[in-house]
Amino acid sequence: QQKSADRRRRELLEAADRVVLRDGPSASMNAIAAEAG
């Protein structure tokens, strides 16, 4: 369960990175959630 949670957290951070690379300081929680599905 911990491994699964860690993997999911990494995936969410990677999604956040993609949004930040696109939007910079304008990156929002809404956009990051959408990117992560």
ModelCIF file with pLDDT and N, C-alpha, C, O atoms, coordinates in Angstrom:
data_MODEL
#
_entry.id   MODEL 
#
_entity.id                         1 
_entity.type                       polymer 
_entity.pdbx_number_of_molecules   1 
#
_entity_poly.entity_id                      1 
_entity_poly.type                           'polypeptide(L)' 
_entity_poly.nstd_linkage                   no 
_entity_poly.nstd_monomer                   no 
_entity_poly.pdbx_seq_one_letter_code       QQKSADRRRRELLEAADRVVLRDGPSASMNAIAAEAG 
_entity_poly.pdbx_seq_one_letter_code_can   QQKSADRRRRELLEAADRVVLRDGPSASMNAIAAEAG 
_entity_poly.pdbx_strand_id                 A 
#
loop_
_entity_poly_seq.entity_id 
_entity_poly_seq.num 
_entity_poly_seq.mon_id 
_entity_poly_seq.hetero 
1 1  GLN n 
1 2  GLN n 
1 3  LYS n 
1 4  SER n 
1 5  ALA n 
1 6  ASP n 
1 7  ARG n 
1 8  ARG n 
1 9  ARG n 
1 10 ARG n 
1 11 GLU n 
1 12 LEU n 
1 13 LEU n 
1 14 GLU n 
1 15 ALA n 
1 16 ALA n 
1 17 ASP n 
1 18 ARG n 
1 19 VAL n 
1 20 VAL n 
1 21 LEU n 
1 22 ARG n 
1 23 ASP n 
1 24 GLY n 
1 25 PRO n 
1 26 SER n 
1 27 ALA n 
1 28 SER n 
1 29 MET n 
1 30 ASN n 
1 31 ALA n 
1 32 ILE n 
1 33 ALA n 
1 34 ALA n 
1 35 GLU n 
1 36 ALA n 
1 37 GLY n 
#
_struct_asym.id          A 
_struct_asym.entity_id   1 
#
loop_
_ma_qa_metric.id 
_ma_qa_metric.mode 
_ma_qa_metric.name 
_ma_qa_metric.software_group_id 
_ma_qa_metric.type 
1 global pLDDT . pLDDT 
2 local  pLDDT . pLDDT 
#
_ma_qa_metric_global.metric_id      1 
_ma_qa_metric_global.metric_value   90.24 
_ma_qa_metric_global.model_id       1 
_ma_qa_metric_global.ordinal_id     1 
#
loop_
_ma_qa_metric_local.label_asym_id 
_ma_qa_metric_local.label_comp_id 
_ma_qa_metric_local.label_seq_id 
_ma_qa_metric_local.metric_id 
_ma_qa_metric_local.metric_value 
_ma_qa_metric_local.model_id 
_ma_qa_metric_local.ordinal_id 
A GLN 1  2 76.00 1 1  
A GLN 2  2 79.00 1 2  
A LYS 3  2 82.00 1 3  
A SER 4  2 81.00 1 4  
A ALA 5  2 80.00 1 5  
A ASP 6  2 83.00 1 6  
A ARG 7  2 89.00 1 7  
A ARG 8  2 87.00 1 8  
A ARG 9  2 88.00 1 9  
A ARG 10 2 91.00 1 10 
A GLU 11 2 93.00 1 11 
A LEU 12 2 93.00 1 12 
A LEU 13 2 94.00 1 13 
A GLU 14 2 94.00 1 14 
A ALA 15 2 95.00 1 15 
A ALA 16 2 94.00 1 16 
A ASP 17 2 94.00 1 17 
A ARG 18 2 95.00 1 18 
A VAL 19 2 95.00 1 19 
A VAL 20 2 93.00 1 20 
A LEU 21 2 92.00 1 21 
A ARG 22 2 93.00 1 22 
A ASP 23 2 92.00 1 23 
A GLY 24 2 90.00 1 24 
A PRO 25 2 87.00 1 25 
A SER 26 2 88.00 1 26 
A ALA 27 2 89.00 1 27 
A SER 28 2 90.00 1 28 
A MET 29 2 91.00 1 29 
A ASN 30 2 93.00 1 30 
A ALA 31 2 94.00 1 31 
A ILE 32 2 93.00 1 32 
A ALA 33 2 94.00 1 33 
A ALA 34 2 95.00 1 34 
A GLU 35 2 95.00 1 35 
A ALA 36 2 93.00 1 36 
A GLY 37 2 94.00 1 37 
#
loop_
_atom_site.group_PDB 
_atom_site.id 
_atom_site.type_symbol 
_atom_site.label_atom_id 
_atom_site.label_alt_id 
_atom_site.label_comp_id 
_atom_site.label_asym_id 
_atom_site.label_entity_id 
_atom_site.label_seq_id 
_atom_site.pdbx_PDB_ins_code 
_atom_site.Cartn_x 
_atom_site.Cartn_y 
_atom_site.Cartn_z 
_atom_site.occupancy 
_atom_site.B_iso_or_equiv 
_atom_site.pdbx_formal_charge 
_atom_site.auth_seq_id 
_atom_site.auth_comp_id 
_atom_site.auth_asym_id 
_atom_site.auth_atom_id 
_atom_site.pdbx_PDB_model_num 
ATOM 1   N N  . GLN A 1 1  ? 0.830  -1.205 0.000   1.00 76.00 ? 1  GLN A N  1 
ATOM 2   C CA . GLN A 1 1  ? 0.000  0.000  0.000   1.00 76.00 ? 1  GLN A CA 1 
ATOM 3   C C  . GLN A 1 1  ? 0.864  1.254  0.000   1.00 76.00 ? 1  GLN A C  1 
ATOM 4   O O  . GLN A 1 1  ? 0.552  2.229  -0.684  1.00 76.00 ? 1  GLN A O  1 
ATOM 5   N N  . GLN A 1 2  ? 1.954  1.227  0.771   1.00 79.00 ? 2  GLN A N  1 
ATOM 6   C CA . GLN A 1 2  ? 2.855  2.376  0.814   1.00 79.00 ? 2  GLN A CA 1 
ATOM 7   C C  . GLN A 1 2  ? 3.519  2.602  -0.536  1.00 79.00 ? 2  GLN A C  1 
ATOM 8   O O  . GLN A 1 2  ? 3.657  3.737  -0.992  1.00 79.00 ? 2  GLN A O  1 
ATOM 9   N N  . LYS A 1 3  ? 3.934  1.494  -1.178  1.00 82.00 ? 3  LYS A N  1 
ATOM 10  C CA . LYS A 1 3  ? 4.541  1.610  -2.507  1.00 82.00 ? 3  LYS A CA 1 
ATOM 11  C C  . LYS A 1 3  ? 3.556  2.187  -3.503  1.00 82.00 ? 3  LYS A C  1 
ATOM 12  O O  . LYS A 1 3  ? 3.914  3.022  -4.334  1.00 82.00 ? 3  LYS A O  1 
ATOM 13  N N  . SER A 1 4  ? 2.305  1.736  -3.415  1.00 81.00 ? 4  SER A N  1 
ATOM 14  C CA . SER A 1 4  ? 1.270  2.249  -4.315  1.00 81.00 ? 4  SER A CA 1 
ATOM 15  C C  . SER A 1 4  ? 1.020  3.731  -4.065  1.00 81.00 ? 4  SER A C  1 
ATOM 16  O O  . SER A 1 4  ? 0.863  4.502  -5.011  1.00 81.00 ? 4  SER A O  1 
ATOM 17  N N  . ALA A 1 5  ? 0.982  4.134  -2.796  1.00 80.00 ? 5  ALA A N  1 
ATOM 18  C CA . ALA A 1 5  ? 0.774  5.540  -2.457  1.00 80.00 ? 5  ALA A CA 1 
ATOM 19  C C  . ALA A 1 5  ? 1.950  6.398  -2.933  1.00 80.00 ? 5  ALA A C  1 
ATOM 20  O O  . ALA A 1 5  ? 1.751  7.500  -3.444  1.00 80.00 ? 5  ALA A O  1 
ATOM 21  N N  . ASP A 1 6  ? 3.171  5.891  -2.763  1.00 83.00 ? 6  ASP A N  1 
ATOM 22  C CA . ASP A 1 6  ? 4.359  6.630  -3.206  1.00 83.00 ? 6  ASP A CA 1 
ATOM 23  C C  . ASP A 1 6  ? 4.362  6.787  -4.717  1.00 83.00 ? 6  ASP A C  1 
ATOM 24  O O  . ASP A 1 6  ? 4.698  7.850  -5.240  1.00 83.00 ? 6  ASP A O  1 
ATOM 25  N N  . ARG A 1 7  ? 3.981  5.710  -5.422  1.00 89.00 ? 7  ARG A N  1 
ATOM 26  C CA . ARG A 1 7  ? 3.932  5.757  -6.886  1.00 89.00 ? 7  ARG A CA 1 
ATOM 27  C C  . ARG A 1 7  ? 2.886  6.766  -7.354  1.00 89.00 ? 7  ARG A C  1 
ATOM 28  O O  . ARG A 1 7  ? 3.128  7.533  -8.286  1.00 89.00 ? 7  ARG A O  1 
ATOM 29  N N  . ARG A 1 8  ? 1.720  6.760  -6.699  1.00 87.00 ? 8  ARG A N  1 
ATOM 30  C CA . ARG A 1 8  ? 0.661  7.704  -7.069  1.00 87.00 ? 8  ARG A CA 1 
ATOM 31  C C  . ARG A 1 8  ? 1.105  9.139  -6.802  1.00 87.00 ? 8  ARG A C  1 
ATOM 32  O O  . ARG A 1 8  ? 0.814  10.034 -7.595  1.00 87.00 ? 8  ARG A O  1 
ATOM 33  N N  . ARG A 1 9  ? 1.798  9.363  -5.708  1.00 88.00 ? 9  ARG A N  1 
ATOM 34  C CA . ARG A 1 9  ? 2.293  10.702 -5.386  1.00 88.00 ? 9  ARG A CA 1 
ATOM 35  C C  . ARG A 1 9  ? 3.284  11.182 -6.442  1.00 88.00 ? 9  ARG A C  1 
ATOM 36  O O  . ARG A 1 9  ? 3.241  12.341 -6.855  1.00 88.00 ? 9  ARG A O  1 
ATOM 37  N N  . ARG A 1 10 ? 4.187  10.282 -6.884  1.00 91.00 ? 10 ARG A N  1 
ATOM 38  C CA . ARG A 1 10 ? 5.135  10.636 -7.941  1.00 91.00 ? 10 ARG A CA 1 
ATOM 39  C C  . ARG A 1 10 ? 4.401  10.997 -9.224  1.00 91.00 ? 10 ARG A C  1 
ATOM 40  O O  . ARG A 1 10 ? 4.767  11.955 -9.904  1.00 91.00 ? 10 ARG A O  1 
ATOM 41  N N  . GLU A 1 11 ? 3.384  10.244 -9.550  1.00 93.00 ? 11 GLU A N  1 
ATOM 42  C CA . GLU A 1 11 ? 2.609  10.524 -10.763 1.00 93.00 ? 11 GLU A CA 1 
ATOM 43  C C  . GLU A 1 11 ? 1.940  11.896 -10.688 1.00 93.00 ? 11 GLU A C  1 
ATOM 44  O O  . GLU A 1 11 ? 1.911  12.631 -11.675 1.00 93.00 ? 11 GLU A O  1 
ATOM 45  N N  . LEU A 1 12 ? 1.408  12.237 -9.523  1.00 93.00 ? 12 LEU A N  1 
ATOM 46  C CA . LEU A 1 12 ? 0.762  13.538 -9.355  1.00 93.00 ? 12 LEU A CA 1 
ATOM 47  C C  . LEU A 1 12 ? 1.784  14.668 -9.435  1.00 93.00 ? 12 LEU A C  1 
ATOM 48  O O  . LEU A 1 12 ? 1.500  15.720 -10.009 1.00 93.00 ? 12 LEU A O  1 
ATOM 49  N N  . LEU A 1 13 ? 2.966  14.460 -8.866  1.00 94.00 ? 13 LEU A N  1 
ATOM 50  C CA . LEU A 1 13 ? 4.012  15.476 -8.955  1.00 94.00 ? 13 LEU A CA 1 
ATOM 51  C C  . LEU A 1 13 ? 4.490  15.650 -10.393 1.00 94.00 ? 13 LEU A C  1 
ATOM 52  O O  . LEU A 1 13 ? 4.812  16.762 -10.811 1.00 94.00 ? 13 LEU A O  1 
ATOM 53  N N  . GLU A 1 14 ? 4.537  14.556 -11.149 1.00 94.00 ? 14 GLU A N  1 
ATOM 54  C CA . GLU A 1 14 ? 4.917  14.657 -12.559 1.00 94.00 ? 14 GLU A CA 1 
ATOM 55  C C  . GLU A 1 14 ? 3.858  15.421 -13.354 1.00 94.00 ? 14 GLU A C  1 
ATOM 56  O O  . GLU A 1 14 ? 4.189  16.192 -14.255 1.00 94.00 ? 14 GLU A O  1 
ATOM 57  N N  . ALA A 1 15 ? 2.597  15.206 -13.021 1.00 95.00 ? 15 ALA A N  1 
ATOM 58  C CA . ALA A 1 15 ? 1.521  15.972 -13.661 1.00 95.00 ? 15 ALA A CA 1 
ATOM 59  C C  . ALA A 1 15 ? 1.643  17.447 -13.294 1.00 95.00 ? 15 ALA A C  1 
ATOM 60  O O  . ALA A 1 15 ? 1.470  18.318 -14.147 1.00 95.00 ? 15 ALA A O  1 
ATOM 61  N N  . ALA A 1 16 ? 1.942  17.727 -12.022 1.00 94.00 ? 16 ALA A N  1 
ATOM 62  C CA . ALA A 1 16 ? 2.127  19.114 -11.585 1.00 94.00 ? 16 ALA A CA 1 
ATOM 63  C C  . ALA A 1 16 ? 3.300  19.756 -12.315 1.00 94.00 ? 16 ALA A C  1 
ATOM 64  O O  . ALA A 1 16 ? 3.225  20.918 -12.714 1.00 94.00 ? 16 ALA A O  1 
ATOM 65  N N  . ASP A 1 17 ? 4.379  19.003 -12.492 1.00 94.00 ? 17 ASP A N  1 
ATOM 66  C CA . ASP A 1 17 ? 5.537  19.524 -13.221 1.00 94.00 ? 17 ASP A CA 1 
ATOM 67  C C  . ASP A 1 17 ? 5.159  19.920 -14.645 1.00 94.00 ? 17 ASP A C  1 
ATOM 68  O O  . ASP A 1 17 ? 5.593  20.961 -15.137 1.00 94.00 ? 17 ASP A O  1 
ATOM 69  N N  . ARG A 1 18 ? 4.358  19.100 -15.303 1.00 95.00 ? 18 ARG A N  1 
ATOM 70  C CA . ARG A 1 18 ? 3.966  19.409 -16.683 1.00 95.00 ? 18 ARG A CA 1 
ATOM 71  C C  . ARG A 1 18 ? 3.174  20.717 -16.739 1.00 95.00 ? 18 ARG A C  1 
ATOM 72  O O  . ARG A 1 18 ? 3.369  21.531 -17.642 1.00 95.00 ? 18 ARG A O  1 
ATOM 73  N N  . VAL A 1 19 ? 2.289  20.907 -15.778 1.00 95.00 ? 19 VAL A N  1 
ATOM 74  C CA . VAL A 1 19 ? 1.498  22.140 -15.749 1.00 95.00 ? 19 VAL A CA 1 
ATOM 75  C C  . VAL A 1 19 ? 2.389  23.337 -15.440 1.00 95.00 ? 19 VAL A C  1 
ATOM 76  O O  . VAL A 1 19 ? 2.243  24.395 -16.053 1.00 95.00 ? 19 VAL A O  1 
ATOM 77  N N  . VAL A 1 20 ? 3.307  23.178 -14.498 1.00 93.00 ? 20 VAL A N  1 
ATOM 78  C CA . VAL A 1 20 ? 4.209  24.273 -14.139 1.00 93.00 ? 20 VAL A CA 1 
ATOM 79  C C  . VAL A 1 20 ? 5.100  24.644 -15.324 1.00 93.00 ? 20 VAL A C  1 
ATOM 80  O O  . VAL A 1 20 ? 5.342  25.826 -15.567 1.00 93.00 ? 20 VAL A O  1 
ATOM 81  N N  . LEU A 1 21 ? 5.586  23.651 -16.059 1.00 92.00 ? 21 LEU A N  1 
ATOM 82  C CA . LEU A 1 21 ? 6.398  23.924 -17.240 1.00 92.00 ? 21 LEU A CA 1 
ATOM 83  C C  . LEU A 1 21 ? 5.608  24.710 -18.286 1.00 92.00 ? 21 LEU A C  1 
ATOM 84  O O  . LEU A 1 21 ? 6.170  25.513 -19.030 1.00 92.00 ? 21 LEU A O  1 
ATOM 85  N N  . ARG A 1 22 ? 4.316  24.470 -18.332 1.00 93.00 ? 22 ARG A N  1 
ATOM 86  C CA . ARG A 1 22 ? 3.450  25.161 -19.306 1.00 93.00 ? 22 ARG A CA 1 
ATOM 87  C C  . ARG A 1 22 ? 3.007  26.529 -18.802 1.00 93.00 ? 22 ARG A C  1 
ATOM 88  O O  . ARG A 1 22 ? 3.023  27.506 -19.551 1.00 93.00 ? 22 ARG A O  1 
ATOM 89  N N  . ASP A 1 23 ? 2.610  26.600 -17.524 1.00 92.00 ? 23 ASP A N  1 
ATOM 90  C CA . ASP A 1 23 ? 1.944  27.799 -17.008 1.00 92.00 ? 23 ASP A CA 1 
ATOM 91  C C  . ASP A 1 23 ? 2.795  28.638 -16.059 1.00 92.00 ? 23 ASP A C  1 
ATOM 92  O O  . ASP A 1 23 ? 2.440  29.782 -15.772 1.00 92.00 ? 23 ASP A O  1 
ATOM 93  N N  . GLY A 1 24 ? 3.904  28.098 -15.568 1.00 90.00 ? 24 GLY A N  1 
ATOM 94  C CA . GLY A 1 24 ? 4.734  28.846 -14.638 1.00 90.00 ? 24 GLY A CA 1 
ATOM 95  C C  . GLY A 1 24 ? 3.979  29.208 -13.370 1.00 90.00 ? 24 GLY A C  1 
ATOM 96  O O  . GLY A 1 24 ? 3.249  28.379 -12.828 1.00 90.00 ? 24 GLY A O  1 
ATOM 97  N N  . PRO A 1 25 ? 4.145  30.448 -12.887 1.00 87.00 ? 25 PRO A N  1 
ATOM 98  C CA . PRO A 1 25 ? 3.484  30.852 -11.642 1.00 87.00 ? 25 PRO A CA 1 
ATOM 99  C C  . PRO A 1 25 ? 1.959  30.818 -11.705 1.00 87.00 ? 25 PRO A C  1 
ATOM 100 O O  . PRO A 1 25 ? 1.292  30.832 -10.670 1.00 87.00 ? 25 PRO A O  1 
ATOM 101 N N  . SER A 1 26 ? 1.403  30.773 -12.929 1.00 88.00 ? 26 SER A N  1 
ATOM 102 C CA . SER A 1 26 ? -0.060 30.719 -13.065 1.00 88.00 ? 26 SER A CA 1 
ATOM 103 C C  . SER A 1 26 ? -0.631 29.323 -12.836 1.00 88.00 ? 26 SER A C  1 
ATOM 104 O O  . SER A 1 26 ? -1.849 29.145 -12.827 1.00 88.00 ? 26 SER A O  1 
ATOM 105 N N  . ALA A 1 27 ? 0.234  28.339 -12.654 1.00 89.00 ? 27 ALA A N  1 
ATOM 106 C CA . ALA A 1 27 ? -0.231 26.964 -12.444 1.00 89.00 ? 27 ALA A CA 1 
ATOM 107 C C  . ALA A 1 27 ? -1.181 26.911 -11.252 1.00 89.00 ? 27 ALA A C  1 
ATOM 108 O O  . ALA A 1 27 ? -0.840 27.374 -10.164 1.00 89.00 ? 27 ALA A O  1 
ATOM 109 N N  . SER A 1 28 ? -2.356 26.354 -11.452 1.00 90.00 ? 28 SER A N  1 
ATOM 110 C CA . SER A 1 28 ? -3.365 26.301 -10.396 1.00 90.00 ? 28 SER A CA 1 
ATOM 111 C C  . SER A 1 28 ? -3.656 24.861 -10.010 1.00 90.00 ? 28 SER A C  1 
ATOM 112 O O  . SER A 1 28 ? -3.333 23.930 -10.748 1.00 90.00 ? 28 SER A O  1 
ATOM 113 N N  . MET A 1 29 ? -4.267 24.688 -8.854  1.00 91.00 ? 29 MET A N  1 
ATOM 114 C CA . MET A 1 29 ? -4.661 23.358 -8.411  1.00 91.00 ? 29 MET A CA 1 
ATOM 115 C C  . MET A 1 29 ? -5.679 22.759 -9.377  1.00 91.00 ? 29 MET A C  1 
ATOM 116 O O  . MET A 1 29 ? -5.656 21.554 -9.624  1.00 91.00 ? 29 MET A O  1 
ATOM 117 N N  . ASN A 1 30 ? -6.562 23.575 -9.921  1.00 93.00 ? 30 ASN A N  1 
ATOM 118 C CA . ASN A 1 30 ? -7.555 23.083 -10.885 1.00 93.00 ? 30 ASN A CA 1 
ATOM 119 C C  . ASN A 1 30 ? -6.867 22.508 -12.118 1.00 93.00 ? 30 ASN A C  1 
ATOM 120 O O  . ASN A 1 30 ? -7.212 21.423 -12.585 1.00 93.00 ? 30 ASN A O  1 
ATOM 121 N N  . ALA A 1 31 ? -5.881 23.253 -12.646 1.00 94.00 ? 31 ALA A N  1 
ATOM 122 C CA . ALA A 1 31 ? -5.179 22.803 -13.852 1.00 94.00 ? 31 ALA A CA 1 
ATOM 123 C C  . ALA A 1 31 ? -4.390 21.532 -13.582 1.00 94.00 ? 31 ALA A C  1 
ATOM 124 O O  . ALA A 1 31 ? -4.342 20.635 -14.424 1.00 94.00 ? 31 ALA A O  1 
ATOM 125 N N  . ILE A 1 32 ? -3.767 21.454 -12.404 1.00 93.00 ? 32 ILE A N  1 
ATOM 126 C CA . ILE A 1 32 ? -2.970 20.274 -12.060 1.00 93.00 ? 32 ILE A CA 1 
ATOM 127 C C  . ILE A 1 32 ? -3.872 19.051 -11.887 1.00 93.00 ? 32 ILE A C  1 
ATOM 128 O O  . ILE A 1 32 ? -3.536 17.957 -12.342 1.00 93.00 ? 32 ILE A O  1 
ATOM 129 N N  . ALA A 1 33 ? -5.015 19.238 -11.229 1.00 94.00 ? 33 ALA A N  1 
ATOM 130 C CA . ALA A 1 33 ? -5.966 18.127 -11.073 1.00 94.00 ? 33 ALA A CA 1 
ATOM 131 C C  . ALA A 1 33 ? -6.440 17.637 -12.429 1.00 94.00 ? 33 ALA A C  1 
ATOM 132 O O  . ALA A 1 33 ? -6.541 16.432 -12.659 1.00 94.00 ? 33 ALA A O  1 
ATOM 133 N N  . ALA A 1 34 ? -6.733 18.585 -13.339 1.00 95.00 ? 34 ALA A N  1 
ATOM 134 C CA . ALA A 1 34 ? -7.191 18.205 -14.678 1.00 95.00 ? 34 ALA A CA 1 
ATOM 135 C C  . ALA A 1 34 ? -6.102 17.440 -15.425 1.00 95.00 ? 34 ALA A C  1 
ATOM 136 O O  . ALA A 1 34 ? -6.388 16.448 -16.096 1.00 95.00 ? 34 ALA A O  1 
ATOM 137 N N  . GLU A 1 35 ? -4.862 17.894 -15.312 1.00 95.00 ? 35 GLU A N  1 
ATOM 138 C CA . GLU A 1 35 ? -3.744 17.225 -15.984 1.00 95.00 ? 35 GLU A CA 1 
ATOM 139 C C  . GLU A 1 35 ? -3.570 15.805 -15.459 1.00 95.00 ? 35 GLU A C  1 
ATOM 140 O O  . GLU A 1 35 ? -3.237 14.894 -16.218 1.00 95.00 ? 35 GLU A O  1 
ATOM 141 N N  . ALA A 1 36 ? -3.796 15.618 -14.163 1.00 93.00 ? 36 ALA A N  1 
ATOM 142 C CA . ALA A 1 36 ? -3.648 14.294 -13.552 1.00 93.00 ? 36 ALA A CA 1 
ATOM 143 C C  . ALA A 1 36 ? -4.865 13.409 -13.765 1.00 93.00 ? 36 ALA A C  1 
ATOM 144 O O  . ALA A 1 36 ? -4.833 12.217 -13.460 1.00 93.00 ? 36 ALA A O  1 
ATOM 145 N N  . GLY A 1 37 ? -5.955 13.997 -14.296 1.00 94.00 ? 37 GLY A N  1 
ATOM 146 C CA . GLY A 1 37 ? -7.172 13.222 -14.535 1.00 94.00 ? 37 GLY A CA 1 
ATOM 147 C C  . GLY A 1 37 ? -7.929 12.893 -13.267 1.00 94.00 ? 37 GLY A C  1 
ATOM 148 O O  . GLY A 1 37 ? -8.974 12.244 -13.322 1.00 94.00 ? 37 GLY A O  1 
#
